[in-house]
Amino acid sequence: MSARHALPRVLTLAAALCACEIFLRFGGPSVPASYSFKHFLVPDPILGWKLRPGAEGWFGQEGGAHVRINSDGFRDREHTVSKPAGHLRVALLGDSYVEALMVPLEASLGPLLEKTLSACAGRHSKRVEVIQFGVTGYGTAQQLLMLRSSVWKYEPDIVILLFFAGNDVDNNSFRLGGKPYSPYFRKVNDRLVLAEGFPRFDTADLDPPKRDRLVHATRHLAIGRLFSAGAITLLDRISSLLSRRRTQARADRVPALERATVSVFDNAGHPDWEEAWNTTEAILSAMQDEVRRRGAEFYLVLATTGMQVHPDPEVRKVIAERIGEGMARVEGRLLAFSGQKRIAVIDLAPPFRAYALRTGVFLHGFKNSGLGVGHWNEAGYWMAAQYVADRLCRDPVLVRGLGDQ
C-alpha cells in the first residue's frame, strides 16, 4: 500500500481515536486505573517496607476500592498528631486485614469500630478516635516496631493488635517466612533482639509490576485506561475463574482453600514452627508490657481465616476432618497464652463461625477473587467491628476511661 493511500486511513483512525477519547472523557463511563498492592509501598529502613504517603489509586485485585494513603503513610483519613482534648484514642495495629485495600475506607475495621464505639462513648464525656496502622504483609515483629516508631506519638489510650494466625506466626521466622527484607526478632537469654543484618530489603522486590507500569503509561488518556483496564480485567477474571474452580471444591479440593494458611494448622511439633511460635509469643508479651508501661490498655483480637468460618456445611465437614484438630490446637494455644499473660483477648472465630453457619453468608472473599477465601469482605468487617465494640463497651477498664475528664 502506497503512502498516498495509507494517509487517509491513518487520519481516519486518528480521528476515531480522538472521538473515543472525547466521548470517554466527557460523556462515557469512568474507567479507573487499577493498581496492584505494590503500587502503594516503599522500602523502609526500620520496617522493611511501608505505605507510601499520598499514594492513590484503584485497587481491584480482590474486591475493589479507591485507595488513598494519608500524609503519614497509613490507609486512613488524616489525623492530628497531638490528641485533642476529650478524645479517647484507639490505635489499630495489623497487616492487610487492617490496611483493607479491598474495601472502601468507610467499610474497613477502623472507621466501623470508631462509629460503633462512639455509640457507647456517647453516654460518657469523650469522643472515640480510631487510627489504622495496618500494612500488608506485616508480621508481629513489624507491628511491634510500628508501635515504637509511629504509634506512640499519637498518644493512644488503647492499642488493639489484630492477629491473623494464617501468616502472622510464620512471618516471624526467617526460615518459614523467607522475606529477606523483613525485620526478625530472635530470643537471646529470654530477651528479644533484632536479628543481625537488617535492613536487608531489596528495592527490586517493591518495584511496580508490569501491570502497574501499563496503568502509569496510559493513566492520562481515557482510552488508554479503558484498554489497560480491559486487559487487566481479562487477566484478573481468568485468575478469578481458576480460583473459584479450586475454592468451590468439596473433599478432593479442600487443600486448595487458602493453601498459605493450612501449614499453621498442620505442623504440630515441627522445630521451625515451635521456634516461630515461641518468638511470636515473646513479641506479644513484649508488646503488652510496653503498652502497659505507657499507661494504655492492650487488646489482642484474633482474626479469622476463610477456612475457619466457611458457611458451606460440606466444606466445613471436610475441613474439620482434615485440619479441625489443628485449628482447635492453634486457637487453644493463643487463648492459653493470653490467659497466662493476662492479655485481654477477643476471639472472633466462634461468633463468625456461628453466624456463617446460621445464615450461609460468606464473611471472606469477593466475587472477583473467590468467595470463602482471602480477606474479610464488607460483611466480615462489619461483623468484626460489631463484636469488638460490644466487647470493649462492656469492659470495665474502658468504661472508666470513657468517664474520665
Protein backbone atom coordinates (compact mmCIF):
# COMPACT_ATOMS: atom_id res chain seq x y z
CA MET A 1 0.00 0.00 0.00
CA SER A 2 1.42 3.37 -1.01
CA ALA A 3 1.84 6.26 1.42
CA ARG A 4 -0.76 8.24 -0.57
CA HIS A 5 -3.41 5.56 0.06
CA ALA A 6 -2.36 4.89 3.65
CA LEU A 7 -2.58 8.51 4.81
CA PRO A 8 -6.42 8.76 4.67
CA ARG A 9 -6.72 5.57 6.71
CA VAL A 10 -4.27 6.82 9.33
CA LEU A 11 -6.15 10.12 9.55
CA THR A 12 -9.48 8.27 9.85
CA LEU A 13 -8.10 6.07 12.66
CA ALA A 14 -6.67 9.11 14.45
CA ALA A 15 -10.00 10.92 14.17
CA ALA A 16 -11.83 7.88 15.55
CA LEU A 17 -9.43 7.62 18.49
CA CYS A 18 -9.84 11.33 19.23
CA ALA A 19 -13.62 10.97 19.11
CA CYS A 20 -13.45 8.00 21.50
CA GLU A 21 -11.18 9.94 23.86
CA ILE A 22 -13.57 12.93 23.89
CA PHE A 23 -16.56 10.64 24.47
CA LEU A 24 -14.88 8.76 27.33
CA ARG A 25 -13.66 11.96 28.99
CA PHE A 26 -16.91 13.91 28.83
CA GLY A 27 -19.77 11.50 28.27
CA GLY A 28 -18.65 7.92 28.60
CA PRO A 29 -18.19 5.55 31.53
CA SER A 30 -15.47 6.35 34.04
CA VAL A 31 -12.68 3.79 33.91
CA PRO A 32 -10.42 3.86 36.99
CA ALA A 33 -6.78 2.82 36.74
CA SER A 34 -6.40 -0.42 38.70
CA TYR A 35 -3.12 -0.92 40.61
CA SER A 36 -1.59 -3.84 42.49
CA PHE A 37 -0.70 -3.55 46.17
CA LYS A 38 2.97 -2.86 45.36
CA HIS A 39 1.94 0.50 43.89
CA PHE A 40 1.26 1.71 47.44
CA LEU A 41 4.52 0.51 49.05
CA VAL A 42 8.03 1.93 49.51
CA PRO A 43 11.10 0.46 51.27
CA ASP A 44 11.70 1.49 54.88
CA PRO A 45 14.93 1.07 56.90
CA ILE A 46 13.10 0.19 60.13
CA LEU A 47 10.07 -1.76 58.98
CA GLY A 48 11.30 -3.23 55.69
CA TRP A 49 8.51 -1.56 53.75
CA LYS A 50 5.64 0.80 54.48
CA LEU A 51 2.78 2.56 52.72
CA ARG A 52 3.83 5.45 50.51
CA PRO A 53 2.44 8.76 51.85
CA GLY A 54 0.00 10.29 49.38
CA ALA A 55 -0.20 7.20 47.15
CA GLU A 56 -3.57 6.94 45.46
CA GLY A 57 -5.34 4.66 43.01
CA TRP A 58 -7.92 1.97 42.41
CA PHE A 59 -7.19 -1.48 43.88
CA GLY A 60 -9.14 -4.22 42.14
CA GLN A 61 -7.22 -7.47 42.60
CA GLU A 62 -9.54 -8.52 45.42
CA GLY A 63 -12.84 -6.75 45.90
CA GLY A 64 -12.39 -3.22 44.63
CA ALA A 65 -11.95 0.21 46.20
CA HIS A 66 -10.37 3.59 45.69
CA VAL A 67 -7.37 3.81 47.99
CA ARG A 68 -5.61 6.88 49.30
CA ILE A 69 -2.71 6.75 51.75
CA ASN A 70 -2.62 9.68 54.17
CA SER A 71 0.34 12.02 54.68
CA ASP A 72 1.80 9.90 57.48
CA GLY A 73 1.74 6.73 55.41
CA PHE A 74 -1.42 4.93 56.59
CA ARG A 75 -4.61 3.84 54.85
CA ASP A 76 -6.78 6.21 56.85
CA ARG A 77 -8.04 9.76 56.91
CA GLU A 78 -5.73 12.49 58.22
CA HIS A 79 -5.26 12.61 61.99
CA THR A 80 -3.60 15.29 64.09
CA VAL A 81 -0.55 14.02 65.93
CA SER A 82 -1.49 15.76 69.18
CA LYS A 83 -4.51 14.15 70.80
CA PRO A 84 -7.39 16.62 71.04
CA ALA A 85 -8.87 17.24 74.46
CA GLY A 86 -11.75 14.93 75.28
CA HIS A 87 -10.67 12.22 72.83
CA LEU A 88 -10.19 8.54 73.59
CA ARG A 89 -7.69 7.30 71.01
CA VAL A 90 -7.52 3.72 69.78
CA ALA A 91 -4.51 2.51 67.76
CA LEU A 92 -5.32 -0.43 65.49
CA LEU A 93 -2.26 -2.49 64.52
CA GLY A 94 -2.25 -5.31 61.98
CA ASP A 95 -1.47 -6.41 58.47
CA SER A 96 -3.57 -6.30 55.30
CA TYR A 97 -6.71 -7.02 57.33
CA VAL A 98 -6.35 -3.59 58.95
CA GLU A 99 -4.99 -1.92 55.80
CA ALA A 100 -8.08 -3.22 53.93
CA LEU A 101 -7.28 -2.18 50.35
CA MET A 102 -10.09 -4.40 49.08
CA VAL A 103 -12.99 -2.40 50.58
CA PRO A 104 -13.84 1.33 50.76
CA LEU A 105 -12.21 3.10 53.70
CA GLU A 106 -15.54 3.65 55.42
CA ALA A 107 -16.20 -0.12 55.27
CA SER A 108 -12.85 -1.05 56.87
CA LEU A 109 -12.41 -2.00 60.51
CA GLY A 110 -11.11 1.30 61.91
CA PRO A 111 -13.92 3.61 60.76
CA LEU A 112 -16.58 0.99 61.55
CA LEU A 113 -15.13 0.40 65.01
CA GLU A 114 -14.91 4.14 65.64
CA LYS A 115 -18.56 4.57 64.69
CA THR A 116 -19.73 1.64 66.79
CA LEU A 117 -17.63 2.55 69.82
CA SER A 118 -18.94 6.10 69.63
CA ALA A 119 -22.40 4.78 70.46
CA CYS A 120 -21.29 3.71 73.92
CA ALA A 121 -18.91 6.68 74.26
CA GLY A 122 -21.87 8.97 73.65
CA ARG A 123 -23.13 8.05 77.10
CA HIS A 124 -19.92 9.47 78.55
CA SER A 125 -17.82 12.55 78.04
CA LYS A 126 -15.32 11.50 75.38
CA ARG A 127 -15.11 11.17 71.64
CA VAL A 128 -13.60 7.98 70.23
CA GLU A 129 -10.96 8.20 67.51
CA VAL A 130 -9.60 5.01 65.89
CA ILE A 131 -6.36 5.24 63.87
CA GLN A 132 -5.39 2.42 61.49
CA PHE A 133 -1.72 1.36 61.37
CA GLY A 134 -2.08 -1.75 59.19
CA VAL A 135 0.32 -2.59 56.36
CA THR A 136 0.13 -5.55 54.01
CA GLY A 137 2.46 -8.43 54.81
CA TYR A 138 3.42 -7.28 58.31
CA GLY A 139 4.14 -9.90 60.93
CA THR A 140 4.08 -9.33 64.67
CA ALA A 141 7.72 -8.20 64.65
CA GLN A 142 6.93 -5.32 62.31
CA GLN A 143 3.82 -4.47 64.31
CA LEU A 144 5.94 -4.10 67.46
CA LEU A 145 8.39 -1.91 65.54
CA MET A 146 5.47 0.10 64.14
CA LEU A 147 4.21 0.63 67.70
CA ARG A 148 7.60 2.04 68.68
CA SER A 149 8.33 4.07 65.56
CA SER A 150 4.93 5.55 64.67
CA VAL A 151 2.11 4.83 67.11
CA TRP A 152 3.22 6.37 70.39
CA LYS A 153 3.43 9.90 69.02
CA TYR A 154 -0.37 9.76 68.61
CA GLU A 155 -0.82 9.12 72.37
CA PRO A 156 -3.26 6.21 72.17
CA ASP A 157 -5.26 5.16 75.22
CA ILE A 158 -5.93 1.72 73.76
CA VAL A 159 -3.79 -0.43 71.49
CA ILE A 160 -5.52 -3.22 69.57
CA LEU A 161 -3.48 -5.82 67.72
CA LEU A 162 -5.41 -7.72 65.07
CA PHE A 163 -3.60 -11.07 64.97
CA PHE A 164 -4.01 -13.28 61.90
CA ALA A 165 -2.80 -16.81 62.67
CA GLY A 166 -2.86 -17.67 58.97
CA ASN A 167 0.52 -16.00 58.45
CA ASP A 168 1.50 -13.91 61.48
CA VAL A 169 3.37 -16.82 63.07
CA ASP A 170 5.49 -17.84 60.08
CA ASN A 171 6.09 -14.15 59.24
CA ASN A 172 8.13 -14.05 62.46
CA SER A 173 10.52 -16.75 61.24
CA PHE A 174 13.10 -16.23 58.52
CA ARG A 175 13.10 -19.97 57.79
CA LEU A 176 9.32 -20.05 57.35
CA GLY A 177 8.53 -16.52 56.19
CA GLY A 178 11.51 -16.23 53.87
CA LYS A 179 11.41 -12.45 53.31
CA PRO A 180 14.98 -11.15 53.22
CA TYR A 181 13.84 -7.54 53.65
CA SER A 182 11.75 -8.20 56.78
CA PRO A 183 12.98 -7.47 60.30
CA TYR A 184 13.13 -10.55 62.51
CA PHE A 185 13.46 -10.88 66.26
CA ARG A 186 15.16 -13.77 67.98
CA LYS A 187 15.26 -14.75 71.62
CA VAL A 188 18.65 -14.48 73.35
CA ASN A 189 18.65 -15.41 77.05
CA ASP A 190 14.90 -14.74 77.18
CA ARG A 191 15.40 -11.32 75.61
CA LEU A 192 14.16 -10.21 72.20
CA VAL A 193 16.83 -8.80 69.89
CA LEU A 194 16.63 -7.86 66.23
CA ALA A 195 18.38 -10.38 64.03
CA GLU A 196 21.70 -9.14 62.67
CA GLY A 197 21.91 -7.88 59.12
CA PHE A 198 18.66 -5.96 58.93
CA PRO A 199 17.80 -3.93 56.90
CA ARG A 200 18.31 -6.29 54.00
CA PHE A 201 15.42 -5.18 51.81
CA ASP A 202 15.83 -5.25 48.05
CA THR A 203 14.09 -2.35 46.35
CA ALA A 204 13.55 -4.55 43.29
CA ASP A 205 11.08 -6.57 45.35
CA LEU A 206 8.91 -3.47 45.67
CA ASP A 207 9.22 -2.26 42.08
CA PRO A 208 5.78 -1.80 40.47
CA PRO A 209 4.89 -4.89 38.44
CA LYS A 210 4.30 -4.75 34.69
CA ARG A 211 0.56 -4.21 35.14
CA ASP A 212 1.24 -1.05 37.18
CA ARG A 213 3.66 0.24 34.56
CA LEU A 214 0.94 -0.30 31.95
CA VAL A 215 -1.50 1.68 34.11
CA HIS A 216 1.03 4.51 34.57
CA ALA A 217 1.74 4.70 30.86
CA THR A 218 -1.94 5.10 29.99
CA ARG A 219 -3.33 6.94 33.01
CA HIS A 220 -3.58 10.35 31.28
CA LEU A 221 -5.73 9.06 28.39
CA ALA A 222 -9.24 7.80 28.98
CA ILE A 223 -9.00 5.46 26.00
CA GLY A 224 -5.67 4.19 27.32
CA ARG A 225 -7.20 3.49 30.73
CA LEU A 226 -10.03 1.66 29.02
CA PHE A 227 -7.58 -0.52 27.08
CA SER A 228 -5.33 -1.27 30.09
CA ALA A 229 -8.33 -1.85 32.35
CA GLY A 230 -9.75 -4.27 29.81
CA ALA A 231 -6.50 -6.21 29.57
CA ILE A 232 -6.04 -6.29 33.34
CA THR A 233 -9.70 -7.21 33.93
CA LEU A 234 -9.39 -10.09 31.48
CA LEU A 235 -6.31 -11.42 33.28
CA ASP A 236 -7.96 -10.95 36.69
CA ARG A 237 -11.12 -12.74 35.55
CA ILE A 238 -9.15 -15.68 34.21
CA SER A 239 -7.27 -15.87 37.51
CA SER A 240 -10.55 -15.49 39.43
CA LEU A 241 -12.22 -18.25 37.40
CA LEU A 242 -9.37 -20.62 38.16
CA SER A 243 -9.51 -19.62 41.83
CA ARG A 244 -13.27 -20.20 42.06
CA ARG A 245 -12.97 -23.60 40.43
CA ARG A 246 -10.46 -24.56 43.09
CA THR A 247 -12.11 -22.97 46.10
CA GLN A 248 -15.68 -24.03 45.41
CA ALA A 249 -14.49 -27.62 45.67
CA ARG A 250 -15.51 -30.30 48.10
CA ALA A 251 -13.46 -33.08 49.65
CA ASP A 252 -10.95 -33.62 46.86
CA ARG A 253 -10.19 -29.89 46.59
CA VAL A 254 -10.27 -28.66 50.17
CA PRO A 255 -6.46 -28.29 50.35
CA ALA A 256 -6.84 -25.50 47.76
CA LEU A 257 -8.73 -23.43 50.34
CA GLU A 258 -6.15 -20.87 51.39
CA ARG A 259 -3.07 -23.00 50.87
CA ALA A 260 -0.89 -20.43 52.61
CA THR A 261 -2.85 -20.78 55.88
CA VAL A 262 -3.07 -24.57 56.06
CA SER A 263 0.50 -25.03 57.28
CA VAL A 264 -0.01 -23.17 60.56
CA PHE A 265 -2.76 -25.64 61.48
CA ASP A 266 -0.89 -28.75 60.38
CA ASN A 267 2.65 -28.52 61.77
CA ALA A 268 2.45 -29.55 65.40
CA GLY A 269 5.84 -30.24 66.92
CA HIS A 270 7.93 -29.12 63.93
CA PRO A 271 11.03 -27.37 65.37
CA ASP A 272 10.87 -24.39 62.97
CA TRP A 273 7.22 -23.81 63.80
CA GLU A 274 7.83 -24.22 67.52
CA GLU A 275 10.58 -21.59 67.33
CA ALA A 276 8.25 -19.29 65.36
CA TRP A 277 5.52 -19.73 67.97
CA ASN A 278 7.92 -19.02 70.84
CA THR A 279 9.17 -15.87 69.12
CA THR A 280 5.62 -14.74 68.37
CA GLU A 281 4.55 -15.21 71.97
CA ALA A 282 7.60 -13.31 73.21
CA ILE A 283 6.75 -10.41 70.87
CA LEU A 284 3.14 -10.34 72.06
CA SER A 285 4.31 -10.34 75.67
CA ALA A 286 6.77 -7.51 74.98
CA MET A 287 4.05 -5.52 73.24
CA GLN A 288 1.68 -5.86 76.17
CA ASP A 289 4.39 -4.88 78.67
CA GLU A 290 5.28 -1.78 76.64
CA VAL A 291 1.65 -0.73 76.28
CA ARG A 292 1.05 -1.07 80.00
CA ARG A 293 4.21 0.88 80.87
CA ARG A 294 2.82 3.70 78.75
CA GLY A 295 -0.40 3.68 80.74
CA ALA A 296 -2.55 2.34 77.87
CA GLU A 297 -4.68 -0.78 77.54
CA PHE A 298 -3.80 -3.68 75.25
CA TYR A 299 -6.25 -5.96 73.45
CA LEU A 300 -5.43 -8.93 71.23
CA VAL A 301 -8.09 -9.58 68.58
CA LEU A 302 -7.86 -12.94 66.83
CA ALA A 303 -8.88 -12.59 63.18
CA THR A 304 -10.34 -15.49 61.23
CA THR A 305 -9.29 -17.42 58.15
CA GLY A 306 -11.79 -18.31 55.45
CA MET A 307 -11.49 -21.98 56.38
CA GLN A 308 -12.44 -21.38 59.99
CA VAL A 309 -15.74 -19.71 59.12
CA HIS A 310 -16.72 -21.22 55.77
CA PRO A 311 -20.56 -21.35 55.59
CA ASP A 312 -20.86 -24.44 53.36
CA PRO A 313 -21.65 -27.45 55.61
CA GLU A 314 -19.97 -29.90 53.24
CA VAL A 315 -16.77 -27.89 53.11
CA ARG A 316 -16.90 -27.34 56.88
CA LYS A 317 -17.19 -31.10 57.41
CA VAL A 318 -14.17 -31.90 55.28
CA ILE A 319 -12.13 -29.09 56.83
CA ALA A 320 -12.98 -30.45 60.29
CA GLU A 321 -11.85 -33.92 59.24
CA ARG A 322 -8.63 -32.73 57.65
CA ILE A 323 -7.36 -29.94 59.90
CA GLY A 324 -10.06 -29.45 62.55
CA GLU A 325 -7.75 -30.69 65.30
CA GLY A 326 -5.03 -28.33 64.09
CA MET A 327 -7.38 -25.33 64.08
CA ALA A 328 -8.52 -26.15 67.61
CA ARG A 329 -4.89 -26.52 68.71
CA VAL A 330 -3.90 -23.10 67.30
CA GLU A 331 -6.92 -21.36 68.83
CA GLY A 332 -6.27 -23.14 72.13
CA ARG A 333 -2.61 -22.14 72.19
CA LEU A 334 -3.39 -18.48 71.58
CA LEU A 335 -6.11 -18.43 74.23
CA ALA A 336 -3.98 -20.32 76.78
CA PHE A 337 -1.02 -17.98 76.23
CA SER A 338 -3.26 -14.92 76.53
CA GLY A 339 -4.73 -16.23 79.76
CA GLN A 340 -1.31 -16.98 81.20
CA LYS A 341 -0.03 -13.49 80.38
CA ARG A 342 -3.34 -11.85 81.30
CA ILE A 343 -3.75 -10.37 77.86
CA ALA A 344 -7.29 -9.26 77.08
CA VAL A 345 -8.20 -11.36 74.05
CA ILE A 346 -11.19 -11.17 71.69
CA ASP A 347 -11.57 -14.35 69.64
CA LEU A 348 -13.67 -13.68 66.53
CA ALA A 349 -13.78 -17.27 65.26
CA PRO A 350 -16.71 -18.56 67.40
CA PRO A 351 -19.17 -15.73 66.59
CA PHE A 352 -18.09 -15.62 62.93
CA ARG A 353 -18.47 -19.38 62.60
CA ALA A 354 -21.89 -19.39 64.24
CA TYR A 355 -23.13 -16.52 62.08
CA ALA A 356 -21.83 -18.03 58.83
CA LEU A 357 -23.34 -21.44 59.52
CA ARG A 358 -26.66 -19.91 60.61
CA THR A 359 -27.05 -17.52 57.67
CA GLY A 360 -24.93 -19.03 54.89
CA VAL A 361 -23.23 -15.64 54.43
CA PHE A 362 -19.61 -15.57 53.26
CA LEU A 363 -17.57 -13.32 55.55
CA HIS A 364 -14.39 -13.80 53.49
CA GLY A 365 -13.82 -13.29 49.78
CA PHE A 366 -15.27 -11.41 46.84
CA LYS A 367 -16.94 -12.29 43.56
CA ASN A 368 -13.87 -11.28 41.56
CA SER A 369 -11.45 -13.34 43.68
CA GLY A 370 -13.50 -16.24 45.05
CA LEU A 371 -15.97 -16.37 47.92
CA GLY A 372 -14.91 -18.04 51.14
CA VAL A 373 -11.19 -17.28 50.77
CA GLY A 374 -8.91 -14.31 51.24
CA HIS A 375 -9.66 -11.26 53.35
CA TRP A 376 -12.84 -10.20 55.04
CA ASN A 377 -15.42 -8.68 52.76
CA GLU A 378 -17.69 -5.84 53.88
CA ALA A 379 -19.90 -8.25 55.85
CA GLY A 380 -16.82 -9.60 57.62
CA TYR A 381 -15.55 -6.15 58.56
CA TRP A 382 -18.98 -5.16 59.82
CA MET A 383 -19.18 -8.29 61.98
CA ALA A 384 -15.69 -7.70 63.39
CA ALA A 385 -16.47 -4.09 64.31
CA GLN A 386 -19.75 -5.02 65.99
CA TYR A 387 -18.26 -7.81 68.05
CA VAL A 388 -15.08 -5.96 69.10
CA ALA A 389 -17.04 -2.83 70.02
CA ASP A 390 -19.57 -4.82 72.03
CA ARG A 391 -16.77 -6.46 73.98
CA LEU A 392 -14.91 -3.18 74.59
CA CYS A 393 -18.04 -1.35 75.67
CA ARG A 394 -18.61 -3.98 78.36
CA ASP A 395 -15.03 -3.79 79.61
CA PRO A 396 -14.90 -2.00 83.00
CA VAL A 397 -11.45 -0.56 82.18
CA LEU A 398 -12.72 1.09 79.00
CA VAL A 399 -15.87 2.34 80.70
CA ARG A 400 -13.75 4.00 83.39
CA GLY A 401 -11.58 5.57 80.68
CA LEU A 402 -14.58 6.95 78.90
CA GLY A 403 -15.79 8.56 82.09
CA ASP A 404 -12.50 10.31 82.90
CA GLN A 405 -12.37 14.07 82.45
